[in-house]
Amino acid sequence: DPITAFNRIFTGQRIRRVDNGAIIVMRMPVEKSQEYAKKQGDTKDLFVDHIISLQLGGSNSDSNLRLVPRAIWESATPVENYLGGLLRSDKISKKKAQKFIKDFKNGLITFEAIKEQTKE
């Protein structure tokens, strides 16, 4: 998608690769992450989370970031990695992967249900 690519480049994000239509950008520098967290009222118990993870085509923009407790941040990692693997192997679309991770993070679907719906 040329519009998304232009947006990522225009906003200073470095593109790593493209996976099944998802533009994967480099993680933001630690300093930028810390700046975002501080601006949001960070405490040592909160972590910067990409709502749509970078491996699923998410961006480093403020609209895709939030602060979450460690347990929530850690619970999403296996789901993001699972969906990222499916996306890289062309077994799921970018749109579907992004919907699954949003629904998971909003408590609308479990990891087990995602695995059930994506098994071959």
C-alpha atoms as a PDB file:
ATOM      1  CA  ASP A   1       0.000   0.000   0.000  1.00  0.00           C
ATOM      2  CA  PRO A   2       1.843   3.115  -1.222  1.00  0.00           C
ATOM      3  CA  ILE A   3      -0.103   5.492   1.039  1.00  0.00           C
ATOM      4  CA  THR A   4       0.916   3.615   4.195  1.00  0.00           C
ATOM      5  CA  ALA A   5       4.515   3.393   2.957  1.00  0.00           C
ATOM      6  CA  PHE A   6       4.560   7.135   2.293  1.00  0.00           C
ATOM      7  CA  ASN A   7       3.118   7.802   5.756  1.00  0.00           C
ATOM      8  CA  ARG A   8       5.735   5.637   7.463  1.00  0.00           C
ATOM      9  CA  ILE A   9       8.580   7.315   5.569  1.00  0.00           C
ATOM     10  CA  PHE A  10       7.130  10.830   5.981  1.00  0.00           C
ATOM     11  CA  THR A  11       6.822  10.350   9.752  1.00  0.00           C
ATOM     12  CA  GLY A  12      10.461   9.261   9.980  1.00  0.00           C
ATOM     13  CA  GLN A  13       9.835   5.563  10.508  1.00  0.00           C
ATOM     14  CA  ARG A  14      12.266   3.153   8.882  1.00  0.00           C
ATOM     15  CA  ILE A  15      10.725   0.302   6.936  1.00  0.00           C
ATOM     16  CA  ARG A  16      12.266  -3.119   7.686  1.00  0.00           C
ATOM     17  CA  ARG A  17      10.295  -5.280   5.277  1.00  0.00           C
ATOM     18  CA  VAL A  18       6.847  -6.048   3.891  1.00  0.00           C
ATOM     19  CA  ASP A  19       5.025  -9.182   5.049  1.00  0.00           C
ATOM     20  CA  ASN A  20       1.910 -10.185   3.135  1.00  0.00           C
ATOM     21  CA  GLY A  21       0.945  -6.541   2.567  1.00  0.00           C
ATOM     22  CA  ALA A  22       1.889  -5.334   6.057  1.00  0.00           C
ATOM     23  CA  ILE A  23       4.629  -2.700   6.168  1.00  0.00           C
ATOM     24  CA  ILE A  24       6.902  -3.595   9.064  1.00  0.00           C
ATOM     25  CA  VAL A  25       8.817  -0.671  10.560  1.00  0.00           C
ATOM     26  CA  MET A  26      11.763  -0.527  12.930  1.00  0.00           C
ATOM     27  CA  ARG A  27      11.035  -0.115  16.627  1.00  0.00           C
ATOM     28  CA  MET A  28      11.283   3.463  17.860  1.00  0.00           C
ATOM     29  CA  PRO A  29      14.423   4.490  19.725  1.00  0.00           C
ATOM     30  CA  VAL A  30      14.335   3.895  23.490  1.00  0.00           C
ATOM     31  CA  GLU A  31      14.529   7.649  24.093  1.00  0.00           C
ATOM     32  CA  LYS A  32      11.331   8.240  22.101  1.00  0.00           C
ATOM     33  CA  SER A  33       9.562   5.447  23.959  1.00  0.00           C
ATOM     34  CA  GLN A  34      10.628   6.922  27.301  1.00  0.00           C
ATOM     35  CA  GLU A  35       9.530  10.392  26.169  1.00  0.00           C
ATOM     36  CA  TYR A  36       6.088   9.039  25.221  1.00  0.00           C
ATOM     37  CA  ALA A  37       5.770   7.206  28.557  1.00  0.00           C
ATOM     38  CA  LYS A  38       6.758  10.281  30.541  1.00  0.00           C
ATOM     39  CA  LYS A  39       4.294  12.442  28.625  1.00  0.00           C
ATOM     40  CA  GLN A  40       1.533   9.923  29.440  1.00  0.00           C
ATOM     41  CA  GLY A  41       2.302   9.907  33.170  1.00  0.00           C
ATOM     42  CA  ASP A  42       4.369   6.740  33.221  1.00  0.00           C
ATOM     43  CA  THR A  43       5.198   4.922  36.385  1.00  0.00           C
ATOM     44  CA  LYS A  44       7.795   2.176  36.674  1.00  0.00           C
ATOM     45  CA  ASP A  45       4.968  -0.377  36.607  1.00  0.00           C
ATOM     46  CA  LEU A  46       3.688   0.555  33.133  1.00  0.00           C
ATOM     47  CA  PHE A  47       5.061  -0.375  29.716  1.00  0.00           C
ATOM     48  CA  VAL A  48       4.651   1.237  26.309  1.00  0.00           C
ATOM     49  CA  ASP A  49       2.521  -1.098  24.198  1.00  0.00           C
ATOM     50  CA  HIS A  50       1.859  -0.898  20.467  1.00  0.00           C
ATOM     51  CA  ILE A  51      -1.886  -1.472  20.079  1.00  0.00           C
ATOM     52  CA  ILE A  52      -1.168  -3.076  16.715  1.00  0.00           C
ATOM     53  CA  SER A  53       2.301  -4.529  17.098  1.00  0.00           C
ATOM     54  CA  LEU A  54       4.990  -3.598  14.605  1.00  0.00           C
ATOM     55  CA  GLN A  55       5.189  -7.171  13.305  1.00  0.00           C
ATOM     56  CA  LEU A  56       1.502  -6.902  12.333  1.00  0.00           C
ATOM     57  CA  GLY A  57       1.977  -3.646  10.435  1.00  0.00           C
ATOM     58  CA  GLY A  58       1.455  -1.217  13.324  1.00  0.00           C
ATOM     59  CA  SER A  59       3.290   2.084  13.564  1.00  0.00           C
ATOM     60  CA  ASN A  60       5.223   4.017  16.171  1.00  0.00           C
ATOM     61  CA  SER A  61       2.693   6.864  16.090  1.00  0.00           C
ATOM     62  CA  ASP A  62       1.180   8.095  19.349  1.00  0.00           C
ATOM     63  CA  SER A  63      -2.251   6.900  18.174  1.00  0.00           C
ATOM     64  CA  ASN A  64      -0.923   3.311  18.162  1.00  0.00           C
ATOM     65  CA  LEU A  65       0.693   3.492  21.603  1.00  0.00           C
ATOM     66  CA  ARG A  66      -0.641   3.100  25.120  1.00  0.00           C
ATOM     67  CA  LEU A  67       0.682   2.421  28.603  1.00  0.00           C
ATOM     68  CA  VAL A  68      -0.244  -0.925  30.158  1.00  0.00           C
ATOM     69  CA  PRO A  69       0.757  -2.939  33.224  1.00  0.00           C
ATOM     70  CA  ARG A  70       3.499  -5.531  32.718  1.00  0.00           C
ATOM     71  CA  ALA A  71       1.081  -8.486  32.949  1.00  0.00           C
ATOM     72  CA  ILE A  72      -1.081  -7.161  30.113  1.00  0.00           C
ATOM     73  CA  TRP A  73       1.985  -6.304  28.022  1.00  0.00           C
ATOM     74  CA  GLU A  74       3.414  -9.800  28.536  1.00  0.00           C
ATOM     75  CA  SER A  75       0.104 -11.557  27.832  1.00  0.00           C
ATOM     76  CA  ALA A  76      -0.099 -10.008  24.360  1.00  0.00           C
ATOM     77  CA  THR A  77       3.405 -11.021  23.279  1.00  0.00           C
ATOM     78  CA  PRO A  78       2.637 -14.704  22.507  1.00  0.00           C
ATOM     79  CA  VAL A  79      -0.486 -13.692  20.570  1.00  0.00           C
ATOM     80  CA  GLU A  80       1.440 -11.073  18.563  1.00  0.00           C
ATOM     81  CA  ASN A  81       4.199 -13.591  17.810  1.00  0.00           C
ATOM     82  CA  TYR A  82       1.670 -16.226  16.749  1.00  0.00           C
ATOM     83  CA  LEU A  83      -0.173 -13.825  14.449  1.00  0.00           C
ATOM     84  CA  GLY A  84       3.121 -12.448  13.134  1.00  0.00           C
ATOM     85  CA  GLY A  85       4.187 -15.970  12.154  1.00  0.00           C
ATOM     86  CA  LEU A  86       0.923 -16.522  10.303  1.00  0.00           C
ATOM     87  CA  LEU A  87       1.265 -13.178   8.534  1.00  0.00           C
ATOM     88  CA  ARG A  88       4.881 -13.850   7.472  1.00  0.00           C
ATOM     89  CA  SER A  89       3.908 -17.243   6.067  1.00  0.00           C
ATOM     90  CA  ASP A  90       0.922 -15.799   4.163  1.00  0.00           C
ATOM     91  CA  LYS A  91      -1.568 -17.839   6.215  1.00  0.00           C
ATOM     92  CA  ILE A  92      -3.489 -14.768   7.390  1.00  0.00           C
ATOM     93  CA  SER A  93      -4.136 -11.313   5.958  1.00  0.00           C
ATOM     94  CA  LYS A  94      -2.877  -8.110   7.539  1.00  0.00           C
ATOM     95  CA  LYS A  95      -6.468  -6.995   8.105  1.00  0.00           C
ATOM     96  CA  LYS A  96      -7.408 -10.226   9.879  1.00  0.00           C
ATOM     97  CA  ALA A  97      -4.231 -10.252  12.020  1.00  0.00           C
ATOM     98  CA  GLN A  98      -4.823  -6.643  13.073  1.00  0.00           C
ATOM     99  CA  LYS A  99      -8.467  -7.351  13.931  1.00  0.00           C
ATOM    100  CA  PHE A 100      -7.485 -10.366  16.029  1.00  0.00           C
ATOM    101  CA  ILE A 101      -4.886  -8.438  18.040  1.00  0.00           C
ATOM    102  CA  LYS A 102      -7.237  -5.492  18.629  1.00  0.00           C
ATOM    103  CA  ASP A 103     -10.016  -7.847  19.724  1.00  0.00           C
ATOM    104  CA  PHE A 104      -7.612  -9.754  21.999  1.00  0.00           C
ATOM    105  CA  LYS A 105      -6.347  -6.574  23.634  1.00  0.00           C
ATOM    106  CA  ASN A 106      -9.924  -5.360  24.113  1.00  0.00           C
ATOM    107  CA  GLY A 107     -10.914  -8.642  25.788  1.00  0.00           C
ATOM    108  CA  LEU A 108     -13.254  -9.693  22.978  1.00  0.00           C
ATOM    109  CA  ILE A 109     -11.440 -12.927  22.055  1.00  0.00           C
ATOM    110  CA  THR A 110      -9.045 -15.335  23.739  1.00  0.00           C
ATOM    111  CA  PHE A 111      -5.753 -16.631  22.402  1.00  0.00           C
ATOM    112  CA  GLU A 112      -7.281 -20.113  22.291  1.00  0.00           C
ATOM    113  CA  ALA A 113     -10.159 -18.842  20.122  1.00  0.00           C
ATOM    114  CA  ILE A 114      -7.689 -17.129  17.782  1.00  0.00           C
ATOM    115  CA  LYS A 115      -5.737 -20.377  17.410  1.00  0.00           C
ATOM    116  CA  GLU A 116      -8.952 -22.298  16.777  1.00  0.00           C
ATOM    117  CA  GLN A 117     -10.082 -19.839  14.085  1.00  0.00           C
ATOM    118  CA  THR A 118      -6.699 -19.838  12.339  1.00  0.00           C
ATOM    119  CA  LYS A 119      -5.828 -23.531  12.320  1.00  0.00           C
ATOM    120  CA  GLU A 120      -5.715 -25.222   8.966  1.00  0.00           C
END
